[in-house]
Amino acid sequence: MATDKTAGTNTRSHSIEFLVSEFITRHLRSARSGRKRPEYAERILNQDVLPAWRGRDARTIGPDEVLALLDNIVDRGAPIMANRTAALLGQLFKFGIHRRIVESTPVQLLYPPGGKERPRERALSEAELKAFLTHVDEVHRREIRTVHVLRVLLLTGQRRGELALARWSDIDFQKATWAIPDAHAKAGRGHVVPLSAWAVEEFMALKHLAGDSAFVFPTSDGRQAADGRLITRSVARCTRAWKAHGVEVFTPHDLRRTCRTGLARLKVAPHLAERVLNHAQAKIAGTYDLHDYLEDKRDALEKWAAHLNLLQASN
């Protein structure tokens, strides 16, 4: 077995494979990490990091090699992924220093490798929204589940990942509510989403499609929740069809922003519209105002559903 002649220790305890394995087991999968989807970080490590450095002593990896790895990700057309990978590498080697696997970090970046990320501001216009409602069944006719998922996202303004992880036990059809648990919500702060009659219909359609599965958006075997990115990919595959109907490129998250914009247009008070989307409140308000605003949120989403109904009926 190979040994490190300078340190007199087994090189296996300093290999990149060992570092990644320990990082995943002791940090990523630990409740202390606060990560809702550790498998996303694991996928980056297994698909981009390990293939590039497999068999290496992690102590010998230098800053130039980190830059080369990140440049390769940028060059394949994934600048945002390069930024995510850079942040993860920083955490990986920081963990390695803490665990005495490496002595220093080769991640010495002055700028994000994929460039500065600008926040998206895309919301569908009223004309696009009308076209979306009119043609969503036609555009996604081969993926009928996507039709109902997209309508739910538009009607509720919630996140793609929250819907993808939802269980039927979270949906109360009698009370017309969807309870998003802390574990599924951004920043670990769940809330209850009131459902309009239209949103209830969409969930009922998804229930029929899910069969006996416990999940709202299940895998083909129904045993677990499907990857929420399947929703995004489904929309991306139909970009050309959407453009033919006057709807420019959009993502499922843009439907959330469209809902927020629509609530503002309907004169819903800003603090209420923000609560519908479960955005963090100002520190003092978030600390002392513990009212759930359920009925106020219901009124806002009912008003939004009525507006969408009018748009759809105005053809």
Protein backbone atom coordinates (compact mmCIF):
# COMPACT_ATOMS: atom_id res chain seq x y z
CA MET A 1 0.00 0.00 0.00
CA ALA A 2 1.34 3.41 -0.94
CA THR A 3 2.45 5.74 1.85
CA ASP A 4 3.27 9.40 2.13
CA LYS A 5 7.03 9.35 2.70
CA THR A 6 7.20 12.90 4.02
CA ALA A 7 4.45 12.54 6.59
CA GLY A 8 4.82 8.82 7.23
CA THR A 9 1.06 8.30 7.01
CA ASN A 10 -1.24 6.35 4.73
CA THR A 11 -2.05 8.45 1.66
CA ARG A 12 -5.56 7.03 1.59
CA SER A 13 -6.45 9.24 4.54
CA HIS A 14 -5.49 12.25 2.42
CA SER A 15 -6.96 11.19 -0.94
CA ILE A 16 -9.57 13.31 -2.68
CA GLU A 17 -11.91 10.30 -2.52
CA PHE A 18 -11.53 10.12 1.26
CA LEU A 19 -11.99 13.88 1.63
CA VAL A 20 -15.17 13.87 -0.46
CA SER A 21 -16.53 10.80 1.32
CA GLU A 22 -15.95 12.31 4.76
CA PHE A 23 -17.39 15.67 3.65
CA ILE A 24 -20.56 14.01 2.37
CA THR A 25 -21.02 11.76 5.40
CA ARG A 26 -20.02 14.11 8.20
CA HIS A 27 -21.14 17.45 6.77
CA LEU A 28 -23.52 17.38 3.81
CA ARG A 29 -25.78 14.68 5.24
CA SER A 30 -25.60 16.04 8.76
CA ALA A 31 -28.62 17.88 10.12
CA ARG A 32 -26.20 20.58 11.26
CA SER A 33 -25.40 21.53 7.68
CA GLY A 34 -28.90 22.93 7.18
CA ARG A 35 -29.02 21.68 3.59
CA LYS A 36 -32.45 20.71 2.32
CA ARG A 37 -31.09 18.89 -0.74
CA PRO A 38 -27.61 17.49 0.06
CA GLU A 39 -27.93 15.19 -2.95
CA TYR A 40 -27.54 18.26 -5.21
CA ALA A 41 -24.09 18.98 -3.74
CA GLU A 42 -23.22 15.28 -3.85
CA ARG A 43 -24.06 15.22 -7.55
CA ILE A 44 -21.66 18.09 -8.23
CA LEU A 45 -18.87 16.33 -6.36
CA ASN A 46 -19.47 13.01 -8.11
CA GLN A 47 -19.92 14.41 -11.62
CA ASP A 48 -17.39 17.26 -11.77
CA VAL A 49 -14.88 17.04 -8.93
CA LEU A 50 -14.03 13.36 -8.48
CA PRO A 51 -13.68 12.55 -12.22
CA ALA A 52 -11.15 15.38 -12.58
CA TRP A 53 -9.00 14.50 -9.56
CA ARG A 54 -9.62 10.82 -8.90
CA GLY A 55 -6.61 9.08 -7.34
CA ARG A 56 -5.01 12.34 -6.23
CA ASP A 57 -3.66 13.22 -2.81
CA ALA A 58 -5.91 16.17 -1.92
CA ARG A 59 -2.89 17.99 -0.43
CA THR A 60 -1.27 18.19 -3.86
CA ILE A 61 -4.15 19.92 -5.64
CA GLY A 62 -3.18 23.51 -6.41
CA PRO A 63 -5.00 26.77 -7.20
CA ASP A 64 -4.24 26.44 -10.93
CA GLU A 65 -6.01 23.08 -11.01
CA VAL A 66 -9.05 24.53 -9.27
CA LEU A 67 -9.19 27.27 -11.91
CA ALA A 68 -8.83 24.73 -14.71
CA LEU A 69 -11.69 22.62 -13.35
CA LEU A 70 -13.96 25.67 -13.02
CA ASP A 71 -12.96 27.00 -16.46
CA ASN A 72 -13.99 23.67 -18.01
CA ILE A 73 -17.44 24.02 -16.46
CA VAL A 74 -17.76 27.59 -17.75
CA ASP A 75 -16.56 26.53 -21.22
CA ARG A 76 -19.26 23.88 -21.49
CA GLY A 77 -21.84 26.64 -21.10
CA ALA A 78 -22.63 26.32 -17.40
CA PRO A 79 -21.37 29.51 -15.67
CA ILE A 80 -23.88 29.30 -12.83
CA MET A 81 -22.84 25.71 -12.14
CA ALA A 82 -19.22 26.90 -12.06
CA ASN A 83 -20.14 29.35 -9.32
CA ARG A 84 -21.96 26.64 -7.36
CA THR A 85 -18.99 24.30 -7.73
CA ALA A 86 -16.54 27.00 -6.60
CA ALA A 87 -18.56 27.61 -3.43
CA LEU A 88 -18.77 23.87 -2.75
CA LEU A 89 -15.03 23.39 -3.25
CA GLY A 90 -14.39 26.15 -0.73
CA GLN A 91 -16.54 24.31 1.80
CA LEU A 92 -14.92 20.97 0.94
CA PHE A 93 -11.36 22.12 1.61
CA LYS A 94 -12.36 24.14 4.66
CA PHE A 95 -13.83 20.92 6.04
CA GLY A 96 -10.60 19.13 5.08
CA ILE A 97 -8.53 21.59 7.10
CA HIS A 98 -10.83 21.15 10.09
CA ARG A 99 -10.51 17.35 9.86
CA ARG A 100 -6.70 17.48 9.33
CA ILE A 101 -7.02 15.85 5.92
CA VAL A 102 -5.36 18.83 4.20
CA GLU A 103 -3.31 21.67 5.59
CA SER A 104 -4.52 24.50 3.37
CA THR A 105 -7.06 25.26 0.69
CA PRO A 106 -6.29 25.62 -3.03
CA VAL A 107 -9.51 27.61 -3.52
CA GLN A 108 -8.16 31.13 -3.82
CA LEU A 109 -10.66 32.90 -6.03
CA LEU A 110 -11.05 36.66 -6.24
CA TYR A 111 -14.10 36.59 -8.53
CA PRO A 112 -16.93 34.14 -9.24
CA PRO A 113 -15.68 31.91 -12.08
CA GLY A 114 -19.00 32.15 -13.90
CA GLY A 115 -19.29 35.91 -13.45
CA LYS A 116 -21.74 37.90 -11.36
CA GLU A 117 -25.21 36.40 -11.28
CA ARG A 118 -27.96 38.87 -11.94
CA PRO A 119 -31.31 38.19 -10.29
CA ARG A 120 -33.96 37.22 -12.80
CA GLU A 121 -36.77 39.69 -13.27
CA ARG A 122 -38.87 37.71 -15.73
CA ALA A 123 -42.64 37.76 -15.27
CA LEU A 124 -45.13 36.89 -17.98
CA SER A 125 -46.97 39.87 -19.42
CA GLU A 126 -50.77 39.87 -19.45
CA ALA A 127 -50.72 38.88 -23.14
CA GLU A 128 -48.27 36.05 -22.43
CA LEU A 129 -50.30 34.97 -19.42
CA LYS A 130 -53.43 34.75 -21.54
CA ALA A 131 -51.53 32.71 -24.16
CA PHE A 132 -50.13 30.47 -21.43
CA LEU A 133 -53.57 29.71 -20.02
CA THR A 134 -55.01 29.16 -23.49
CA HIS A 135 -52.32 26.84 -24.85
CA VAL A 136 -50.71 25.04 -21.89
CA ASP A 137 -52.79 21.88 -22.53
CA GLU A 138 -51.76 21.86 -26.18
CA VAL A 139 -48.07 22.65 -25.67
CA HIS A 140 -47.61 19.99 -22.97
CA ARG A 141 -50.10 17.45 -24.31
CA ARG A 142 -47.49 14.68 -24.12
CA GLU A 143 -46.75 15.44 -20.46
CA ILE A 144 -50.17 16.03 -18.96
CA ARG A 145 -48.77 16.04 -15.41
CA THR A 146 -46.70 19.10 -16.32
CA VAL A 147 -49.88 20.96 -17.30
CA HIS A 148 -51.36 20.59 -13.81
CA VAL A 149 -48.03 21.28 -12.10
CA LEU A 150 -47.54 24.54 -13.99
CA ARG A 151 -51.07 25.67 -13.19
CA VAL A 152 -50.53 24.91 -9.49
CA LEU A 153 -47.30 26.94 -9.48
CA LEU A 154 -49.03 29.85 -11.19
CA LEU A 155 -52.14 29.73 -8.97
CA THR A 156 -50.25 29.45 -5.68
CA GLY A 157 -46.98 31.28 -6.34
CA GLN A 158 -44.98 28.58 -4.55
CA ARG A 159 -41.58 27.16 -5.43
CA ARG A 160 -40.99 24.29 -7.85
CA GLY A 161 -38.99 22.33 -5.29
CA GLU A 162 -41.70 22.67 -2.65
CA LEU A 163 -44.28 21.15 -4.96
CA ALA A 164 -41.91 18.41 -6.13
CA LEU A 165 -41.32 17.32 -2.52
CA ALA A 166 -44.96 17.56 -1.40
CA ARG A 167 -46.78 14.55 0.01
CA TRP A 168 -50.50 13.98 -0.15
CA SER A 169 -50.55 14.17 3.64
CA ASP A 170 -49.63 17.86 3.18
CA ILE A 171 -52.79 18.52 1.15
CA ASP A 172 -56.10 18.96 2.98
CA PHE A 173 -58.82 18.87 0.35
CA GLN A 174 -61.60 19.61 2.84
CA LYS A 175 -59.91 22.71 4.23
CA ALA A 176 -58.43 23.59 0.82
CA THR A 177 -54.90 24.05 2.16
CA TRP A 178 -51.39 22.92 1.32
CA ALA A 179 -49.04 22.74 4.32
CA ILE A 180 -45.41 23.19 3.31
CA PRO A 181 -43.25 21.79 6.14
CA ASP A 182 -40.09 23.49 7.36
CA ALA A 183 -37.96 20.74 5.79
CA HIS A 184 -39.25 21.57 2.30
CA ALA A 185 -39.29 25.37 2.54
CA LYS A 186 -36.49 27.78 1.76
CA ALA A 187 -34.64 28.87 4.91
CA GLY A 188 -36.44 26.11 6.81
CA ARG A 189 -39.57 28.20 7.41
CA GLY A 190 -42.73 26.41 6.33
CA HIS A 191 -46.21 27.85 5.98
CA VAL A 192 -49.77 26.99 4.96
CA VAL A 193 -50.93 27.87 1.46
CA PRO A 194 -54.68 28.39 1.03
CA LEU A 195 -55.96 26.83 -2.19
CA SER A 196 -58.47 28.41 -4.52
CA ALA A 197 -61.16 26.14 -6.00
CA TRP A 198 -59.15 26.04 -9.23
CA ALA A 199 -55.97 25.04 -7.40
CA VAL A 200 -57.88 22.26 -5.63
CA GLU A 201 -59.00 20.95 -9.04
CA GLU A 202 -55.40 20.86 -10.23
CA PHE A 203 -54.28 18.96 -7.13
CA MET A 204 -57.14 16.49 -7.60
CA ALA A 205 -55.95 15.87 -11.17
CA LEU A 206 -52.41 15.28 -9.87
CA LYS A 207 -53.82 12.91 -7.24
CA HIS A 208 -55.43 10.83 -9.98
CA LEU A 209 -52.17 10.74 -11.95
CA ALA A 210 -50.12 9.84 -8.84
CA GLY A 211 -52.22 6.73 -8.17
CA ASP A 212 -51.29 5.08 -4.87
CA SER A 213 -48.10 7.09 -4.39
CA ALA A 214 -47.69 9.13 -1.22
CA PHE A 215 -46.09 11.89 -3.29
CA VAL A 216 -47.72 14.65 -5.32
CA PHE A 217 -44.95 14.49 -7.96
CA PRO A 218 -43.72 10.90 -7.76
CA THR A 219 -41.14 8.94 -9.67
CA SER A 220 -42.45 6.40 -12.19
CA ASP A 221 -42.54 3.67 -9.53
CA GLY A 222 -44.26 5.99 -7.06
CA ARG A 223 -41.82 5.22 -4.26
CA GLN A 224 -40.33 8.67 -3.85
CA ALA A 225 -40.60 12.27 -4.94
CA ALA A 226 -39.35 12.98 -8.45
CA ASP A 227 -36.62 15.53 -9.14
CA GLY A 228 -38.18 19.00 -9.46
CA ARG A 229 -35.80 19.79 -12.31
CA LEU A 230 -37.93 17.55 -14.51
CA ILE A 231 -40.50 20.34 -14.48
CA THR A 232 -37.95 22.87 -15.70
CA ARG A 233 -36.71 20.50 -18.40
CA SER A 234 -40.25 19.89 -19.60
CA VAL A 235 -40.79 23.62 -20.06
CA ALA A 236 -37.40 24.03 -21.76
CA ARG A 237 -38.21 21.29 -24.28
CA CYS A 238 -41.26 23.28 -25.36
CA THR A 239 -39.55 26.65 -25.81
CA ARG A 240 -40.18 26.70 -29.56
CA ALA A 241 -43.85 25.80 -29.16
CA TRP A 242 -44.33 28.51 -26.54
CA LYS A 243 -42.67 31.11 -28.77
CA ALA A 244 -45.06 30.17 -31.56
CA HIS A 245 -47.88 31.25 -29.24
CA GLY A 246 -46.19 34.51 -28.26
CA VAL A 247 -44.69 33.38 -24.95
CA GLU A 248 -40.98 34.09 -24.67
CA VAL A 249 -38.57 31.82 -22.78
CA PHE A 250 -39.63 31.30 -19.17
CA THR A 251 -38.94 28.94 -16.28
CA PRO A 252 -41.26 27.51 -13.62
CA HIS A 253 -39.82 30.02 -11.14
CA ASP A 254 -40.97 32.83 -13.43
CA LEU A 255 -44.55 31.72 -12.74
CA ARG A 256 -43.93 32.47 -9.08
CA ARG A 257 -42.73 35.96 -10.00
CA THR A 258 -45.73 36.32 -12.32
CA CYS A 259 -48.04 35.52 -9.41
CA ARG A 260 -46.34 38.14 -7.22
CA THR A 261 -46.56 40.73 -9.99
CA GLY A 262 -50.22 39.86 -10.55
CA LEU A 263 -51.04 40.29 -6.87
CA ALA A 264 -49.47 43.75 -6.97
CA ARG A 265 -51.51 44.60 -10.06
CA LEU A 266 -54.64 43.50 -8.21
CA LYS A 267 -53.79 45.91 -5.37
CA VAL A 268 -53.02 43.22 -2.81
CA ALA A 269 -51.07 44.86 0.02
CA PRO A 270 -47.31 44.25 -0.39
CA HIS A 271 -46.86 42.67 3.05
CA LEU A 272 -49.68 40.23 2.26
CA ALA A 273 -48.37 39.38 -1.20
CA GLU A 274 -44.97 38.67 0.36
CA ARG A 275 -46.59 36.36 2.91
CA VAL A 276 -48.36 34.47 0.13
CA LEU A 277 -44.92 33.70 -1.33
CA ASN A 278 -43.51 33.01 2.16
CA HIS A 279 -40.81 35.63 1.77
CA ALA A 280 -38.91 36.54 4.93
CA GLN A 281 -40.36 39.51 6.78
CA ALA A 282 -38.39 42.36 8.32
CA LYS A 283 -36.59 41.17 11.44
CA ILE A 284 -38.85 42.81 14.01
CA ALA A 285 -42.06 41.91 12.15
CA GLY A 286 -40.86 38.36 11.64
CA THR A 287 -40.02 38.02 15.32
CA TYR A 288 -43.11 39.48 16.91
CA ASP A 289 -45.87 39.06 14.32
CA LEU A 290 -46.75 35.36 14.50
CA HIS A 291 -50.22 35.63 12.94
CA ASP A 292 -50.53 33.21 10.00
CA TYR A 293 -52.70 35.53 7.84
CA LEU A 294 -54.33 32.42 6.36
CA GLU A 295 -57.66 34.00 5.46
CA ASP A 296 -56.00 37.16 4.13
CA LYS A 297 -53.76 34.99 1.93
CA ARG A 298 -56.84 33.05 0.82
CA ASP A 299 -58.59 36.25 -0.24
CA ALA A 300 -55.50 37.30 -2.21
CA LEU A 301 -55.15 33.98 -4.03
CA GLU A 302 -58.89 33.79 -4.73
CA LYS A 303 -58.64 37.24 -6.31
CA TRP A 304 -55.67 36.03 -8.39
CA ALA A 305 -57.52 32.88 -9.51
CA ALA A 306 -60.54 34.96 -10.52
CA HIS A 307 -58.28 37.21 -12.60
CA LEU A 308 -56.74 34.18 -14.34
CA ASN A 309 -60.21 32.79 -15.00
CA LEU A 310 -61.24 36.01 -16.68
CA LEU A 311 -58.11 36.01 -18.81
CA GLN A 312 -58.70 32.43 -19.90
CA ALA A 313 -62.35 33.11 -20.72
CA SER A 314 -61.62 36.25 -22.75
CA ASN A 315 -60.61 34.42 -25.93
